[in-house]
């Protein structure tokens, strides 16, 4: 089954999530919403902001690569299907990732 993960809306954080699907989706939202370098002791966790001043097609390519690497490294229970980057307003990008859960 495929799931859509977005970073433009705040979702409640549930500690000790018992539902395996909800746990993976929450983990992915956290991963995709975290700026790389902002987590002490886990400086590689998150998404790089190198794309900030890039044109949209370049940002899409950079983000797709970043998201793929981050999911493989930090959330192997999911597999990336696609990344969609949209300009919600001038200078603001919205990131959405479509994933399938492994197993």
N, C-alpha and C. Protein backbone atom coordinates (compact mmCIF):
# COMPACT_ATOMS: atom_id res chain seq x y z
N UNK A 1 0.84 -1.17 0.00
CA UNK A 1 0.00 0.00 0.00
C UNK A 1 0.89 1.24 0.00
N UNK A 2 0.47 2.25 -0.74
CA UNK A 2 1.24 3.49 -0.83
C UNK A 2 0.67 4.55 0.11
N UNK A 3 1.60 5.37 0.64
CA UNK A 3 1.22 6.43 1.57
C UNK A 3 1.88 7.73 1.14
N UNK A 4 1.19 8.84 1.38
CA UNK A 4 1.69 10.18 1.05
C UNK A 4 2.15 10.85 2.34
N UNK A 5 3.39 11.32 2.35
CA UNK A 5 3.95 12.04 3.50
C UNK A 5 4.16 13.48 3.08
N UNK A 6 3.63 14.43 3.85
CA UNK A 6 3.84 15.84 3.54
C UNK A 6 4.52 16.53 4.71
N UNK A 7 5.18 17.64 4.40
CA UNK A 7 5.87 18.40 5.45
C UNK A 7 5.24 19.76 5.67
N UNK A 8 4.14 20.04 4.99
CA UNK A 8 3.55 21.38 5.09
C UNK A 8 2.52 21.51 6.20
N UNK A 9 2.10 20.43 6.81
CA UNK A 9 1.11 20.50 7.88
C UNK A 9 1.66 19.82 9.13
N UNK A 10 1.42 20.45 10.26
CA UNK A 10 1.88 19.87 11.52
C UNK A 10 0.98 18.70 11.91
N UNK A 11 1.57 17.61 12.29
CA UNK A 11 0.83 16.44 12.74
C UNK A 11 1.21 16.17 14.19
N UNK A 12 0.28 15.67 14.98
CA UNK A 12 0.60 15.40 16.38
C UNK A 12 1.67 14.32 16.50
N UNK A 13 2.55 14.49 17.45
CA UNK A 13 3.62 13.53 17.71
C UNK A 13 3.16 12.59 18.81
N UNK A 14 3.15 11.30 18.51
CA UNK A 14 2.74 10.31 19.50
C UNK A 14 3.95 9.50 19.92
N UNK A 15 4.32 9.60 21.17
CA UNK A 15 5.41 8.79 21.71
C UNK A 15 4.91 7.37 21.94
N UNK A 16 5.76 6.41 21.73
CA UNK A 16 5.40 5.00 21.91
C UNK A 16 4.23 4.58 21.03
N UNK A 17 4.26 4.99 19.78
CA UNK A 17 3.22 4.60 18.82
C UNK A 17 3.22 3.08 18.69
N UNK A 18 2.06 2.45 18.86
CA UNK A 18 1.98 0.99 18.82
C UNK A 18 1.58 0.45 17.45
N UNK A 19 0.92 1.26 16.64
CA UNK A 19 0.53 0.82 15.30
C UNK A 19 1.76 0.91 14.39
N UNK A 20 2.20 -0.21 13.81
CA UNK A 20 3.43 -0.21 13.00
C UNK A 20 3.37 0.76 11.82
N UNK A 21 2.24 0.84 11.14
CA UNK A 21 2.12 1.74 9.99
C UNK A 21 2.22 3.19 10.44
N UNK A 22 1.49 3.54 11.48
CA UNK A 22 1.53 4.91 12.01
C UNK A 22 2.93 5.26 12.50
N UNK A 23 3.63 4.29 13.08
CA UNK A 23 4.99 4.52 13.56
C UNK A 23 5.94 4.88 12.41
N UNK A 24 5.85 4.13 11.31
CA UNK A 24 6.71 4.40 10.16
C UNK A 24 6.37 5.76 9.55
N UNK A 25 5.09 6.05 9.39
CA UNK A 25 4.69 7.32 8.78
C UNK A 25 5.11 8.50 9.64
N UNK A 26 4.98 8.38 10.95
CA UNK A 26 5.43 9.44 11.85
C UNK A 26 6.94 9.62 11.76
N UNK A 27 7.66 8.53 11.72
CA UNK A 27 9.12 8.58 11.60
C UNK A 27 9.53 9.29 10.31
N UNK A 28 8.83 8.99 9.23
CA UNK A 28 9.13 9.64 7.95
C UNK A 28 8.82 11.13 7.98
N UNK A 29 7.70 11.52 8.60
CA UNK A 29 7.38 12.95 8.71
C UNK A 29 8.47 13.69 9.48
N UNK A 30 8.94 13.08 10.55
CA UNK A 30 10.01 13.70 11.35
C UNK A 30 11.28 13.80 10.52
N UNK A 31 11.65 12.73 9.84
CA UNK A 31 12.85 12.71 9.02
C UNK A 31 12.82 13.78 7.94
N UNK A 32 11.69 13.90 7.24
CA UNK A 32 11.59 14.84 6.12
C UNK A 32 11.41 16.28 6.58
N UNK A 33 11.05 16.48 7.84
CA UNK A 33 10.86 17.84 8.36
C UNK A 33 12.07 18.37 9.11
N UNK A 34 13.09 17.54 9.25
CA UNK A 34 14.27 17.92 10.03
C UNK A 34 15.38 18.41 9.11
N UNK A 35 15.95 19.54 9.46
CA UNK A 35 17.07 20.09 8.70
C UNK A 35 18.34 19.32 9.07
N UNK A 36 19.05 18.83 8.05
CA UNK A 36 20.29 18.09 8.28
C UNK A 36 21.27 18.97 9.06
N UNK A 37 21.88 18.40 10.09
CA UNK A 37 22.84 19.13 10.91
C UNK A 37 22.23 19.70 12.18
N UNK A 38 20.90 19.59 12.34
CA UNK A 38 20.25 20.21 13.49
C UNK A 38 20.07 19.27 14.68
N UNK A 39 20.36 17.99 14.52
CA UNK A 39 20.18 17.03 15.61
C UNK A 39 21.55 16.67 16.19
N UNK A 40 21.82 17.07 17.44
CA UNK A 40 23.10 16.75 18.05
C UNK A 40 23.34 15.23 18.05
N UNK A 41 24.54 14.84 17.78
CA UNK A 41 25.00 13.46 17.72
C UNK A 41 24.50 12.70 16.50
N UNK A 42 23.56 13.27 15.75
CA UNK A 42 23.07 12.66 14.50
C UNK A 42 23.07 13.74 13.42
N UNK A 43 24.23 14.28 13.11
CA UNK A 43 24.34 15.41 12.18
C UNK A 43 23.89 15.08 10.76
N UNK A 44 23.87 13.80 10.40
CA UNK A 44 23.42 13.41 9.06
C UNK A 44 21.91 13.18 8.98
N UNK A 45 21.22 13.20 10.11
CA UNK A 45 19.78 12.96 10.13
C UNK A 45 19.05 14.15 9.54
N UNK A 46 18.11 13.89 8.64
CA UNK A 46 17.30 14.96 8.07
C UNK A 46 17.62 15.20 6.61
N UNK A 47 17.17 16.35 6.14
CA UNK A 47 17.28 16.73 4.73
C UNK A 47 18.14 17.98 4.62
N UNK A 48 19.08 17.96 3.69
CA UNK A 48 19.95 19.11 3.43
C UNK A 48 19.15 20.26 2.84
N UNK A 49 19.57 21.46 3.11
CA UNK A 49 18.90 22.65 2.58
C UNK A 49 19.66 23.26 1.41
N UNK A 50 20.50 22.48 0.73
CA UNK A 50 21.28 22.97 -0.40
C UNK A 50 20.41 23.48 -1.55
N UNK A 51 19.18 23.05 -1.60
CA UNK A 51 18.29 23.37 -2.70
C UNK A 51 17.64 24.74 -2.57
N UNK A 52 17.85 25.44 -1.49
CA UNK A 52 17.09 26.66 -1.19
C UNK A 52 17.10 27.71 -2.29
N UNK A 53 18.21 27.97 -2.90
CA UNK A 53 18.27 29.01 -3.92
C UNK A 53 18.29 28.46 -5.34
N UNK A 54 17.85 27.23 -5.50
CA UNK A 54 17.88 26.58 -6.82
C UNK A 54 16.53 26.74 -7.53
N UNK A 55 16.56 26.72 -8.86
CA UNK A 55 15.30 26.68 -9.60
C UNK A 55 14.53 25.40 -9.25
N UNK A 56 13.23 25.42 -9.43
CA UNK A 56 12.38 24.30 -9.02
C UNK A 56 12.82 22.95 -9.59
N UNK A 57 13.15 22.83 -10.88
CA UNK A 57 13.58 21.52 -11.39
C UNK A 57 14.86 21.00 -10.71
N UNK A 58 15.79 21.91 -10.42
CA UNK A 58 17.02 21.52 -9.74
C UNK A 58 16.71 21.13 -8.30
N UNK A 59 15.85 21.90 -7.64
CA UNK A 59 15.46 21.58 -6.26
C UNK A 59 14.79 20.21 -6.21
N UNK A 60 13.94 19.92 -7.18
CA UNK A 60 13.26 18.62 -7.24
C UNK A 60 14.28 17.48 -7.32
N UNK A 61 15.28 17.63 -8.18
CA UNK A 61 16.30 16.59 -8.34
C UNK A 61 17.13 16.42 -7.07
N UNK A 62 17.56 17.54 -6.48
CA UNK A 62 18.36 17.47 -5.25
C UNK A 62 17.57 16.85 -4.11
N UNK A 63 16.32 17.27 -3.97
CA UNK A 63 15.49 16.74 -2.89
C UNK A 63 15.18 15.26 -3.07
N UNK A 64 14.93 14.85 -4.29
CA UNK A 64 14.65 13.43 -4.53
C UNK A 64 15.84 12.58 -4.08
N UNK A 65 17.03 13.01 -4.43
CA UNK A 65 18.23 12.29 -4.02
C UNK A 65 18.39 12.29 -2.50
N UNK A 66 18.19 13.45 -1.88
CA UNK A 66 18.30 13.57 -0.42
C UNK A 66 17.30 12.68 0.30
N UNK A 67 16.05 12.71 -0.16
CA UNK A 67 14.99 11.93 0.48
C UNK A 67 15.28 10.44 0.32
N UNK A 68 15.70 10.03 -0.86
CA UNK A 68 16.02 8.62 -1.10
C UNK A 68 17.11 8.14 -0.14
N UNK A 69 18.17 8.91 -0.03
CA UNK A 69 19.29 8.55 0.85
C UNK A 69 18.85 8.52 2.31
N UNK A 70 18.10 9.53 2.73
CA UNK A 70 17.66 9.61 4.13
C UNK A 70 16.75 8.43 4.49
N UNK A 71 15.83 8.08 3.61
CA UNK A 71 14.93 6.96 3.90
C UNK A 71 15.71 5.65 3.96
N UNK A 72 16.62 5.45 3.04
CA UNK A 72 17.42 4.22 3.06
C UNK A 72 18.24 4.11 4.34
N UNK A 73 18.77 5.24 4.80
CA UNK A 73 19.64 5.22 5.98
C UNK A 73 18.86 5.16 7.29
N UNK A 74 17.77 5.93 7.41
CA UNK A 74 17.11 6.08 8.71
C UNK A 74 15.74 5.43 8.83
N UNK A 75 15.12 5.04 7.73
CA UNK A 75 13.81 4.39 7.82
C UNK A 75 13.70 3.29 6.77
N UNK A 76 14.45 2.20 6.97
CA UNK A 76 14.47 1.11 5.98
C UNK A 76 13.15 0.35 5.90
N UNK A 77 12.19 0.65 6.78
CA UNK A 77 10.88 0.00 6.70
C UNK A 77 10.03 0.56 5.57
N UNK A 78 10.54 1.61 4.90
CA UNK A 78 9.79 2.25 3.81
C UNK A 78 10.65 2.30 2.55
N UNK A 79 9.98 2.37 1.42
CA UNK A 79 10.65 2.49 0.12
C UNK A 79 10.05 3.68 -0.61
N UNK A 80 10.91 4.59 -1.07
CA UNK A 80 10.46 5.79 -1.76
C UNK A 80 9.93 5.45 -3.15
N UNK A 81 8.76 5.98 -3.49
CA UNK A 81 8.18 5.84 -4.82
C UNK A 81 8.45 7.10 -5.63
N UNK A 82 8.09 8.26 -5.05
CA UNK A 82 8.35 9.52 -5.75
C UNK A 82 8.35 10.68 -4.77
N UNK A 83 8.95 11.77 -5.21
CA UNK A 83 8.99 13.02 -4.44
C UNK A 83 8.36 14.10 -5.30
N UNK A 84 7.50 14.90 -4.69
CA UNK A 84 6.87 16.02 -5.39
C UNK A 84 7.21 17.30 -4.63
N UNK A 85 7.78 18.26 -5.35
CA UNK A 85 8.10 19.56 -4.76
C UNK A 85 7.24 20.59 -5.47
N UNK A 86 6.51 21.38 -4.68
CA UNK A 86 5.66 22.43 -5.25
C UNK A 86 5.99 23.76 -4.60
N UNK A 87 5.91 24.80 -5.40
CA UNK A 87 6.08 26.15 -4.86
C UNK A 87 4.71 26.62 -4.39
N UNK A 88 4.53 26.69 -3.07
CA UNK A 88 3.23 27.06 -2.51
C UNK A 88 3.00 28.56 -2.57
N UNK A 89 4.06 29.32 -2.50
CA UNK A 89 4.03 30.78 -2.68
C UNK A 89 5.45 31.16 -3.07
N UNK A 90 5.65 32.37 -3.58
CA UNK A 90 7.01 32.74 -4.00
C UNK A 90 8.04 32.51 -2.89
N UNK A 91 9.01 31.66 -3.18
CA UNK A 91 10.07 31.39 -2.22
C UNK A 91 9.79 30.29 -1.22
N UNK A 92 8.57 29.73 -1.23
CA UNK A 92 8.21 28.66 -0.29
C UNK A 92 7.93 27.37 -1.04
N UNK A 93 8.62 26.30 -0.64
CA UNK A 93 8.44 25.00 -1.27
C UNK A 93 7.76 24.04 -0.31
N UNK A 94 6.94 23.18 -0.86
CA UNK A 94 6.27 22.13 -0.11
C UNK A 94 6.79 20.79 -0.61
N UNK A 95 7.13 19.90 0.29
CA UNK A 95 7.68 18.60 -0.05
C UNK A 95 6.65 17.52 0.27
N UNK A 96 6.42 16.63 -0.67
CA UNK A 96 5.58 15.46 -0.44
C UNK A 96 6.32 14.24 -0.98
N UNK A 97 6.25 13.16 -0.24
CA UNK A 97 6.90 11.92 -0.67
C UNK A 97 5.86 10.81 -0.65
N UNK A 98 5.88 10.00 -1.68
CA UNK A 98 5.02 8.82 -1.74
C UNK A 98 5.90 7.62 -1.44
N UNK A 99 5.46 6.80 -0.49
CA UNK A 99 6.25 5.65 -0.06
C UNK A 99 5.40 4.38 -0.01
N UNK A 100 6.07 3.26 -0.06
CA UNK A 100 5.46 1.96 0.22
C UNK A 100 6.18 1.39 1.43
N UNK A 101 5.45 0.67 2.25
CA UNK A 101 6.07 0.05 3.41
C UNK A 101 6.60 -1.32 3.04
N UNK A 102 7.78 -1.64 3.52
CA UNK A 102 8.38 -2.95 3.26
C UNK A 102 7.79 -3.97 4.22
N UNK A 103 7.63 -5.17 3.72
CA UNK A 103 7.16 -6.26 4.58
C UNK A 103 5.73 -6.24 4.72
